[in-house]
C-alpha cells in the first residue's frame, strides 16, 4: 500500500469480544497477546473495533502510537461497549459524531426492545484534498431494532455531502439476507466488499467458517475495492476474538470535496 498518493487506503474491522466476559482460555488477558502480531502483519490506515471496554482501548492505543482514535467514552460503566475508530495520523479528523441507536440519539439511550445501548461512531477524515467518511457500529439482536437502526444511520448520513465516499463497518448481528442489510444497500446505496457466497465472520473461538456473515465492510460513493479478505488465522497461537477480522483496500478518486458539513456532536 502506498500512502504517498493519498488515493489508496486500507481498513480492518474486528469485534474485540467484550473484555470482561468469562471466556476461560479465551479471556482477554490470554488472547490480547495476539494483537501485537495481528496489527503488525496487517497494517492499515484505519482500524474499527466494536465491543471495546476502556482497558481494551488503552491497550490498543499503546500498540498504535502513530494513530489517534475517536469513539472512546470516558468515564465508562463496567458494562459499556464502545465502537472505536483508530486512524493513522497522516489523516486529519475534520468532524466526528457519536450517537446512540435510539429514539433520542444525542443522549445515552436505546430502542425499547434493544438489549444494550447500541451506538455508532462516525468520522470525517481528510488527506490532502481527499475526504472520506468512516463509520463503525454494532447492531442489536432483534430484527426490528436493526431495521430501525439502519434507518437512523441513513438519516444521520444526510447531514453530510453525498459526494464524500463512505465506509461503514461493524458487527450487524445479521446476514446479508436480512431486512437491515437491504435497507443499507438497496435504499442507502451501500455495497459489500465481499460477493456471494459470503464468508463467515463469527466462529465462537473454534476457527470454523459457519457461514454467519454478520460482520460487514460496506462502502458507497466514488471508491473502488482493490482487495478484501477475512483473516482466519491465529496469532501467537490464539484467535484474537470470537469473530474473524475483515480487511479491505480501496482506491479513492483523485479528489473529493474541498469542504464538509461542520458537525461535531462527539
C-alpha atoms as a PDB file:
ATOM      1  CA  UNK A   1       0.000   0.000   0.000  1.00  0.00           C
ATOM      2  CA  UNK A   2       1.281   3.467  -0.891  1.00  0.00           C
ATOM      3  CA  UNK A   3       0.146   6.353   1.263  1.00  0.00           C
ATOM      4  CA  UNK A   4       2.075   8.974  -0.744  1.00  0.00           C
ATOM      5  CA  UNK A   5      -0.603   9.387  -3.430  1.00  0.00           C
ATOM      6  CA  UNK A   6      -3.383   9.626  -0.870  1.00  0.00           C
ATOM      7  CA  UNK A   7      -5.556   7.557  -3.208  1.00  0.00           C
ATOM      8  CA  UNK A   8      -5.298   4.089  -1.672  1.00  0.00           C
ATOM      9  CA  UNK A   9      -6.474   3.357   1.853  1.00  0.00           C
ATOM     10  CA  UNK A  10      -6.998   0.210   3.885  1.00  0.00           C
ATOM     11  CA  UNK A  11      -9.316  -0.595   6.768  1.00  0.00           C
ATOM     12  CA  UNK A  12      -9.564  -3.529   9.176  1.00  0.00           C
ATOM     13  CA  UNK A  13     -12.657  -4.277  11.249  1.00  0.00           C
ATOM     14  CA  UNK A  14     -12.985  -6.554  14.282  1.00  0.00           C
ATOM     15  CA  UNK A  15     -15.422  -7.151  17.114  1.00  0.00           C
ATOM     16  CA  UNK A  16     -12.978  -7.435  20.030  1.00  0.00           C
ATOM     17  CA  UNK A  17     -15.252  -9.569  22.206  1.00  0.00           C
ATOM     18  CA  UNK A  18     -16.312  -7.974  25.478  1.00  0.00           C
ATOM     19  CA  UNK A  19     -13.182  -7.912  27.621  1.00  0.00           C
ATOM     20  CA  UNK A  20     -14.971  -8.703  30.897  1.00  0.00           C
ATOM     21  CA  UNK A  21     -16.556 -11.916  29.598  1.00  0.00           C
ATOM     22  CA  UNK A  22     -15.684 -15.141  31.405  1.00  0.00           C
ATOM     23  CA  UNK A  23     -14.097 -16.900  28.425  1.00  0.00           C
ATOM     24  CA  UNK A  24     -11.645 -19.172  30.245  1.00  0.00           C
ATOM     25  CA  UNK A  25      -8.638 -19.847  27.980  1.00  0.00           C
ATOM     26  CA  UNK A  26     -10.021 -17.284  25.530  1.00  0.00           C
ATOM     27  CA  UNK A  27     -10.254 -14.499  28.104  1.00  0.00           C
ATOM     28  CA  UNK A  28      -8.963 -11.075  27.152  1.00  0.00           C
ATOM     29  CA  UNK A  29      -5.947 -11.457  29.432  1.00  0.00           C
ATOM     30  CA  UNK A  30      -4.915 -14.521  27.433  1.00  0.00           C
ATOM     31  CA  UNK A  31      -5.740 -13.518  23.875  1.00  0.00           C
ATOM     32  CA  UNK A  32      -4.526  -9.930  23.999  1.00  0.00           C
ATOM     33  CA  UNK A  33      -1.093 -11.391  23.158  1.00  0.00           C
ATOM     34  CA  UNK A  34      -2.438 -11.973  19.629  1.00  0.00           C
ATOM     35  CA  UNK A  35      -2.982  -8.288  18.892  1.00  0.00           C
ATOM     36  CA  UNK A  36       0.630  -7.068  18.504  1.00  0.00           C
ATOM     37  CA  UNK A  37       1.158  -9.801  15.892  1.00  0.00           C
ATOM     38  CA  UNK A  38      -2.152  -9.117  14.144  1.00  0.00           C
ATOM     39  CA  UNK A  39      -1.586  -5.362  13.897  1.00  0.00           C
ATOM     40  CA  UNK A  40       1.986  -5.779  12.690  1.00  0.00           C
ATOM     41  CA  UNK A  41       1.027  -8.259   9.992  1.00  0.00           C
ATOM     42  CA  UNK A  42      -1.982  -6.253   8.805  1.00  0.00           C
ATOM     43  CA  UNK A  43      -1.031  -2.562   8.959  1.00  0.00           C
ATOM     44  CA  UNK A  44      -3.691  -0.160   7.778  1.00  0.00           C
ATOM     45  CA  UNK A  45      -4.914   3.390   7.635  1.00  0.00           C
ATOM     46  CA  UNK A  46      -7.996   2.660   9.745  1.00  0.00           C
ATOM     47  CA  UNK A  47      -8.909   0.074  12.359  1.00  0.00           C
ATOM     48  CA  UNK A  48     -12.502  -0.148  13.518  1.00  0.00           C
ATOM     49  CA  UNK A  49     -13.431  -2.093  16.638  1.00  0.00           C
ATOM     50  CA  UNK A  50     -16.690  -2.976  18.361  1.00  0.00           C
ATOM     51  CA  UNK A  51     -17.467  -4.235  21.864  1.00  0.00           C
ATOM     52  CA  UNK A  52     -14.482  -2.407  23.339  1.00  0.00           C
ATOM     53  CA  UNK A  53     -14.014  -1.947  27.068  1.00  0.00           C
ATOM     54  CA  UNK A  54     -11.934   1.004  28.237  1.00  0.00           C
ATOM     55  CA  UNK A  55      -8.934  -1.172  29.157  1.00  0.00           C
ATOM     56  CA  UNK A  56      -9.015  -2.758  25.707  1.00  0.00           C
ATOM     57  CA  UNK A  57      -8.936   0.682  24.095  1.00  0.00           C
ATOM     58  CA  UNK A  58      -5.978   1.703  26.257  1.00  0.00           C
ATOM     59  CA  UNK A  59      -4.151  -1.494  25.299  1.00  0.00           C
ATOM     60  CA  UNK A  60      -4.703  -0.906  21.576  1.00  0.00           C
ATOM     61  CA  UNK A  61      -3.760   2.743  21.894  1.00  0.00           C
ATOM     62  CA  UNK A  62      -0.381   1.704  23.280  1.00  0.00           C
ATOM     63  CA  UNK A  63       0.085  -0.681  20.354  1.00  0.00           C
ATOM     64  CA  UNK A  64      -0.749   2.039  17.801  1.00  0.00           C
ATOM     65  CA  UNK A  65       1.437   5.060  18.674  1.00  0.00           C
ATOM     66  CA  UNK A  66       1.107   6.535  15.175  1.00  0.00           C
ATOM     67  CA  UNK A  67      -2.690   6.544  15.377  1.00  0.00           C
ATOM     68  CA  UNK A  68      -5.377   8.630  17.019  1.00  0.00           C
ATOM     69  CA  UNK A  69      -8.849   7.367  17.834  1.00  0.00           C
ATOM     70  CA  UNK A  70     -12.432   8.537  18.138  1.00  0.00           C
ATOM     71  CA  UNK A  71     -15.395   6.888  19.848  1.00  0.00           C
ATOM     72  CA  UNK A  72     -13.838   6.401  23.262  1.00  0.00           C
ATOM     73  CA  UNK A  73     -16.180   7.357  26.073  1.00  0.00           C
ATOM     74  CA  UNK A  74     -14.655   8.384  29.417  1.00  0.00           C
ATOM     75  CA  UNK A  75     -15.653   7.604  32.100  1.00  0.00           C
ATOM     76  CA  UNK A  76     -17.458   4.413  31.175  1.00  0.00           C
ATOM     77  CA  UNK A  77     -19.553   1.936  33.228  1.00  0.00           C
ATOM     78  CA  UNK A  78     -18.236  -1.617  33.529  1.00  0.00           C
ATOM     79  CA  UNK A  79     -20.795  -2.937  31.062  1.00  0.00           C
ATOM     80  CA  UNK A  80     -20.104  -0.291  28.451  1.00  0.00           C
ATOM     81  CA  UNK A  81     -19.087  -1.380  24.959  1.00  0.00           C
ATOM     82  CA  UNK A  82     -17.695   1.313  22.690  1.00  0.00           C
ATOM     83  CA  UNK A  83     -17.212   1.416  18.919  1.00  0.00           C
ATOM     84  CA  UNK A  84     -13.751   2.787  18.155  1.00  0.00           C
ATOM     85  CA  UNK A  85     -12.072   4.147  15.021  1.00  0.00           C
ATOM     86  CA  UNK A  86      -8.273   4.301  15.052  1.00  0.00           C
ATOM     87  CA  UNK A  87      -6.857   6.356  12.183  1.00  0.00           C
ATOM     88  CA  UNK A  88      -3.295   6.915  11.043  1.00  0.00           C
ATOM     89  CA  UNK A  89      -2.017  10.356  11.970  1.00  0.00           C
ATOM     90  CA  UNK A  90      -1.447  11.222   8.315  1.00  0.00           C
ATOM     91  CA  UNK A  91      -5.216  11.721   8.242  1.00  0.00           C
ATOM     92  CA  UNK A  92      -6.967  14.678   9.802  1.00  0.00           C
ATOM     93  CA  UNK A  93     -10.289  14.186  11.549  1.00  0.00           C
ATOM     94  CA  UNK A  94     -12.377  17.138  10.382  1.00  0.00           C
ATOM     95  CA  UNK A  95     -15.544  16.215  12.257  1.00  0.00           C
ATOM     96  CA  UNK A  96     -16.798  13.452  14.479  1.00  0.00           C
ATOM     97  CA  UNK A  97     -20.200  12.258  15.533  1.00  0.00           C
ATOM     98  CA  UNK A  98     -21.035   9.729  18.218  1.00  0.00           C
ATOM     99  CA  UNK A  99     -24.709   8.854  18.542  1.00  0.00           C
ATOM    100  CA  UNK A 100     -26.983   6.246  20.065  1.00  0.00           C
ATOM    101  CA  UNK A 101     -29.200   3.927  18.059  1.00  0.00           C
ATOM    102  CA  UNK A 102     -32.388   5.046  19.729  1.00  0.00           C
ATOM    103  CA  UNK A 103     -35.280   7.478  19.578  1.00  0.00           C
ATOM    104  CA  UNK A 104     -33.010  10.032  21.308  1.00  0.00           C
ATOM    105  CA  UNK A 105     -29.599   9.571  19.618  1.00  0.00           C
ATOM    106  CA  UNK A 106     -27.947  12.556  21.285  1.00  0.00           C
ATOM    107  CA  UNK A 107     -28.172  11.139  24.824  1.00  0.00           C
ATOM    108  CA  UNK A 108     -27.248   7.720  26.295  1.00  0.00           C
ATOM    109  CA  UNK A 109     -30.290   5.586  25.436  1.00  0.00           C
ATOM    110  CA  UNK A 110     -31.548   2.616  23.455  1.00  0.00           C
ATOM    111  CA  UNK A 111     -34.527   1.478  21.456  1.00  0.00           C
ATOM    112  CA  UNK A 112     -37.039  -0.095  23.823  1.00  0.00           C
ATOM    113  CA  UNK A 113     -36.518  -3.619  22.507  1.00  0.00           C
ATOM    114  CA  UNK A 114     -32.738  -3.343  22.242  1.00  0.00           C
ATOM    115  CA  UNK A 115     -30.738  -5.451  24.687  1.00  0.00           C
ATOM    116  CA  UNK A 116     -27.917  -2.896  25.008  1.00  0.00           C
ATOM    117  CA  UNK A 117     -27.439   0.833  24.336  1.00  0.00           C
ATOM    118  CA  UNK A 118     -26.162   0.401  20.786  1.00  0.00           C
ATOM    119  CA  UNK A 119     -24.079   3.188  19.270  1.00  0.00           C
ATOM    120  CA  UNK A 120     -22.402   4.453  16.125  1.00  0.00           C
ATOM    121  CA  UNK A 121     -19.135   6.364  15.740  1.00  0.00           C
ATOM    122  CA  UNK A 122     -18.618   8.477  12.618  1.00  0.00           C
ATOM    123  CA  UNK A 123     -15.599  10.471  11.481  1.00  0.00           C
ATOM    124  CA  UNK A 124     -14.979  12.783   8.526  1.00  0.00           C
ATOM    125  CA  UNK A 125     -11.345  12.387   7.527  1.00  0.00           C
ATOM    126  CA  UNK A 126      -9.046  14.245   5.161  1.00  0.00           C
ATOM    127  CA  UNK A 127      -5.750  13.532   3.465  1.00  0.00           C
ATOM    128  CA  UNK A 128      -4.664  16.412   1.235  1.00  0.00           C
ATOM    129  CA  UNK A 129      -7.767  17.314  -0.796  1.00  0.00           C
ATOM    130  CA  UNK A 130      -9.489  13.984  -0.295  1.00  0.00           C
ATOM    131  CA  UNK A 131     -12.390  13.446   2.076  1.00  0.00           C
ATOM    132  CA  UNK A 132     -13.720  10.205   3.486  1.00  0.00           C
ATOM    133  CA  UNK A 133     -16.481   9.214   5.904  1.00  0.00           C
ATOM    134  CA  UNK A 134     -15.748   6.227   8.142  1.00  0.00           C
ATOM    135  CA  UNK A 135     -18.428   4.773  10.401  1.00  0.00           C
ATOM    136  CA  UNK A 136     -18.481   1.811  12.733  1.00  0.00           C
ATOM    137  CA  UNK A 137     -21.419   0.409  14.654  1.00  0.00           C
ATOM    138  CA  UNK A 138     -22.828  -2.615  16.476  1.00  0.00           C
ATOM    139  CA  UNK A 139     -26.427  -3.597  15.816  1.00  0.00           C
ATOM    140  CA  UNK A 140     -28.794  -5.374  18.182  1.00  0.00           C
ATOM    141  CA  UNK A 141     -30.053  -8.969  18.065  1.00  0.00           C
ATOM    142  CA  UNK A 142     -33.681  -8.179  17.180  1.00  0.00           C
ATOM    143  CA  UNK A 143     -34.545  -7.535  13.557  1.00  0.00           C
ATOM    144  CA  UNK A 144     -37.000  -4.714  14.245  1.00  0.00           C
ATOM    145  CA  UNK A 145     -34.266  -2.911  16.204  1.00  0.00           C
ATOM    146  CA  UNK A 146     -31.718  -3.488  13.437  1.00  0.00           C
ATOM    147  CA  UNK A 147     -34.130  -2.114  10.828  1.00  0.00           C
ATOM    148  CA  UNK A 148     -34.772   0.999  12.922  1.00  0.00           C
ATOM    149  CA  UNK A 149     -31.033   1.380  13.455  1.00  0.00           C
ATOM    150  CA  UNK A 150     -30.391   1.194   9.705  1.00  0.00           C
ATOM    151  CA  UNK A 151     -32.955   3.904   9.033  1.00  0.00           C
ATOM    152  CA  UNK A 152     -31.488   6.101  11.759  1.00  0.00           C
ATOM    153  CA  UNK A 153     -27.968   5.646  10.413  1.00  0.00           C
ATOM    154  CA  UNK A 154     -29.014   6.638   6.892  1.00  0.00           C
ATOM    155  CA  UNK A 155     -30.899   9.637   8.264  1.00  0.00           C
ATOM    156  CA  UNK A 156     -27.771  10.699  10.147  1.00  0.00           C
ATOM    157  CA  UNK A 157     -25.708  10.480   6.969  1.00  0.00           C
ATOM    158  CA  UNK A 158     -27.973  13.046   5.313  1.00  0.00           C
ATOM    159  CA  UNK A 159     -26.080  15.709   7.279  1.00  0.00           C
ATOM    160  CA  UNK A 160     -23.004  15.121   5.114  1.00  0.00           C
ATOM    161  CA  UNK A 161     -22.360  15.763   1.425  1.00  0.00           C
ATOM    162  CA  UNK A 162     -23.408  12.753  -0.634  1.00  0.00           C
ATOM    163  CA  UNK A 163     -20.323  13.095  -2.823  1.00  0.00           C
ATOM    164  CA  UNK A 164     -17.990  12.123   0.018  1.00  0.00           C
ATOM    165  CA  UNK A 165     -17.160   8.397  -0.173  1.00  0.00           C
ATOM    166  CA  UNK A 166     -18.230   6.446   2.895  1.00  0.00           C
ATOM    167  CA  UNK A 167     -17.094   3.195   4.506  1.00  0.00           C
ATOM    168  CA  UNK A 168     -19.394   1.557   7.059  1.00  0.00           C
ATOM    169  CA  UNK A 169     -18.092  -1.284   9.215  1.00  0.00           C
ATOM    170  CA  UNK A 170     -19.374  -3.206  12.180  1.00  0.00           C
ATOM    171  CA  UNK A 171     -20.956  -6.213  13.775  1.00  0.00           C
ATOM    172  CA  UNK A 172     -24.524  -6.149  12.488  1.00  0.00           C
ATOM    173  CA  UNK A 173     -25.709  -9.405  14.099  1.00  0.00           C
ATOM    174  CA  UNK A 174     -27.410 -10.196  10.796  1.00  0.00           C
ATOM    175  CA  UNK A 175     -26.601 -11.800   7.453  1.00  0.00           C
ATOM    176  CA  UNK A 176     -26.944 -10.159   4.022  1.00  0.00           C
ATOM    177  CA  UNK A 177     -30.388 -11.747   3.679  1.00  0.00           C
ATOM    178  CA  UNK A 178     -31.721  -9.540   6.484  1.00  0.00           C
ATOM    179  CA  UNK A 179     -34.010  -6.506   6.064  1.00  0.00           C
ATOM    180  CA  UNK A 180     -31.467  -4.179   7.681  1.00  0.00           C
ATOM    181  CA  UNK A 181     -28.888  -5.153   5.051  1.00  0.00           C
ATOM    182  CA  UNK A 182     -31.410  -4.429   2.315  1.00  0.00           C
ATOM    183  CA  UNK A 183     -32.113  -1.040   3.891  1.00  0.00           C
ATOM    184  CA  UNK A 184     -28.442  -0.082   3.832  1.00  0.00           C
ATOM    185  CA  UNK A 185     -27.761  -1.422   0.341  1.00  0.00           C
ATOM    186  CA  UNK A 186     -30.929  -1.087  -1.730  1.00  0.00           C
ATOM    187  CA  UNK A 187     -32.033   2.179  -0.101  1.00  0.00           C
ATOM    188  CA  UNK A 188     -28.791   3.579   1.297  1.00  0.00           C
ATOM    189  CA  UNK A 189     -26.567   2.961  -1.706  1.00  0.00           C
ATOM    190  CA  UNK A 190     -24.009   0.814   0.136  1.00  0.00           C
ATOM    191  CA  UNK A 191     -22.316  -2.256  -1.320  1.00  0.00           C
ATOM    192  CA  UNK A 192     -20.452  -5.106   0.334  1.00  0.00           C
ATOM    193  CA  UNK A 193     -16.719  -5.575  -0.294  1.00  0.00           C
ATOM    194  CA  UNK A 194     -17.447  -9.334  -0.444  1.00  0.00           C
ATOM    195  CA  UNK A 195     -19.521 -11.193  -3.015  1.00  0.00           C
ATOM    196  CA  UNK A 196     -21.733 -14.270  -2.553  1.00  0.00           C
ATOM    197  CA  UNK A 197     -21.181 -16.820  -1.206  1.00  0.00           C
ATOM    198  CA  UNK A 198     -20.393 -14.557   1.720  1.00  0.00           C
ATOM    199  CA  UNK A 199     -17.648 -15.829   4.043  1.00  0.00           C
ATOM    200  CA  UNK A 200     -18.494 -16.462   7.686  1.00  0.00           C
ATOM    201  CA  UNK A 201     -17.182 -13.933  10.195  1.00  0.00           C
ATOM    202  CA  UNK A 202     -18.349 -15.334  13.551  1.00  0.00           C
ATOM    203  CA  UNK A 203     -16.677 -18.527  14.781  1.00  0.00           C
ATOM    204  CA  UNK A 204     -17.036 -18.621  18.582  1.00  0.00           C
ATOM    205  CA  UNK A 205     -13.295 -19.258  19.098  1.00  0.00           C
ATOM    206  CA  UNK A 206     -13.329 -22.543  17.164  1.00  0.00           C
ATOM    207  CA  UNK A 207     -11.912 -21.050  13.953  1.00  0.00           C
ATOM    208  CA  UNK A 208     -14.501 -22.635  11.652  1.00  0.00           C
ATOM    209  CA  UNK A 209     -16.407 -20.833   8.924  1.00  0.00           C
ATOM    210  CA  UNK A 210     -20.036 -21.345   9.946  1.00  0.00           C
ATOM    211  CA  UNK A 211     -21.458 -19.146   7.148  1.00  0.00           C
ATOM    212  CA  UNK A 212     -22.548 -16.421   9.578  1.00  0.00           C
ATOM    213  CA  UNK A 213     -21.515 -13.316   7.642  1.00  0.00           C
ATOM    214  CA  UNK A 214     -22.596 -10.882  10.348  1.00  0.00           C
ATOM    215  CA  UNK A 215     -19.621  -8.501  10.271  1.00  0.00           C
ATOM    216  CA  UNK A 216     -19.571  -6.247   7.231  1.00  0.00           C
ATOM    217  CA  UNK A 217     -17.452  -3.707   5.429  1.00  0.00           C
ATOM    218  CA  UNK A 218     -19.823  -1.680   3.284  1.00  0.00           C
ATOM    219  CA  UNK A 219     -18.985   1.285   1.059  1.00  0.00           C
ATOM    220  CA  UNK A 220     -20.606   3.823  -1.233  1.00  0.00           C
ATOM    221  CA  UNK A 221     -19.566   6.688  -3.485  1.00  0.00           C
ATOM    222  CA  UNK A 222     -16.673   7.013  -5.918  1.00  0.00           C
ATOM    223  CA  UNK A 223     -14.492   4.406  -4.284  1.00  0.00           C
ATOM    224  CA  UNK A 224     -13.148   1.164  -5.733  1.00  0.00           C
ATOM    225  CA  UNK A 225     -12.475  -2.073  -3.873  1.00  0.00           C
ATOM    226  CA  UNK A 226      -8.978  -3.334  -4.649  1.00  0.00           C
ATOM    227  CA  UNK A 227      -8.873  -6.230  -2.209  1.00  0.00           C
ATOM    228  CA  UNK A 228     -10.895  -7.791   0.611  1.00  0.00           C
ATOM    229  CA  UNK A 229     -10.241 -10.743   2.852  1.00  0.00           C
ATOM    230  CA  UNK A 230     -11.286 -12.459   6.054  1.00  0.00           C
ATOM    231  CA  UNK A 231      -8.399 -13.008   8.478  1.00  0.00           C
ATOM    232  CA  UNK A 232      -8.963 -16.533   9.806  1.00  0.00           C
ATOM    233  CA  UNK A 233      -5.510 -17.327  11.175  1.00  0.00           C
ATOM    234  CA  UNK A 234      -4.315 -17.470  14.748  1.00  0.00           C
ATOM    235  CA  UNK A 235      -1.690 -15.108  16.128  1.00  0.00           C
ATOM    236  CA  UNK A 236       0.704 -16.178  18.877  1.00  0.00           C
ATOM    237  CA  UNK A 237      -1.301 -19.406  18.896  1.00  0.00           C
ATOM    238  CA  UNK A 238      -4.562 -17.594  19.709  1.00  0.00           C
ATOM    239  CA  UNK A 239      -7.644 -16.255  17.998  1.00  0.00           C
ATOM    240  CA  UNK A 240      -7.871 -12.504  18.719  1.00  0.00           C
ATOM    241  CA  UNK A 241     -11.664 -12.737  19.105  1.00  0.00           C
ATOM    242  CA  UNK A 242     -14.684 -14.949  18.612  1.00  0.00           C
ATOM    243  CA  UNK A 243     -15.139 -13.013  15.358  1.00  0.00           C
ATOM    244  CA  UNK A 244     -12.753 -13.006  12.419  1.00  0.00           C
ATOM    245  CA  UNK A 245     -11.237  -9.702  11.391  1.00  0.00           C
ATOM    246  CA  UNK A 246     -12.149  -8.290   7.977  1.00  0.00           C
ATOM    247  CA  UNK A 247      -9.796  -6.135   5.932  1.00  0.00           C
ATOM    248  CA  UNK A 248     -10.252  -4.224   2.679  1.00  0.00           C
ATOM    249  CA  UNK A 249      -8.225  -1.897   0.484  1.00  0.00           C
ATOM    250  CA  UNK A 250      -9.841   0.869  -1.549  1.00  0.00           C
ATOM    251  CA  UNK A 251      -8.833   3.398  -4.142  1.00  0.00           C
ATOM    252  CA  UNK A 252     -10.330   6.850  -3.659  1.00  0.00           C
ATOM    253  CA  UNK A 253     -10.981   9.260  -6.553  1.00  0.00           C
ATOM    254  CA  UNK A 254      -8.315  11.825  -7.421  1.00  0.00           C
ATOM    255  CA  UNK A 255     -10.044  14.406  -5.237  1.00  0.00           C
ATOM    256  CA  UNK A 256     -13.259  14.680  -3.296  1.00  0.00           C
ATOM    257  CA  UNK A 257     -14.997  17.695  -1.851  1.00  0.00           C
ATOM    258  CA  UNK A 258     -12.943  20.636  -0.626  1.00  0.00           C
ATOM    259  CA  UNK A 259     -15.186  21.073   2.396  1.00  0.00           C
ATOM    260  CA  UNK A 260     -17.591  19.185   4.570  1.00  0.00           C
ATOM    261  CA  UNK A 261     -20.582  19.801   6.737  1.00  0.00           C
ATOM    262  CA  UNK A 262     -19.458  21.251  10.060  1.00  0.00           C
ATOM    263  CA  UNK A 263     -20.869  18.740  12.519  1.00  0.00           C
ATOM    264  CA  UNK A 264     -19.365  17.626  15.811  1.00  0.00           C
ATOM    265  CA  UNK A 265     -21.558  16.080  18.450  1.00  0.00           C
ATOM    266  CA  UNK A 266     -18.983  13.610  19.710  1.00  0.00           C
END
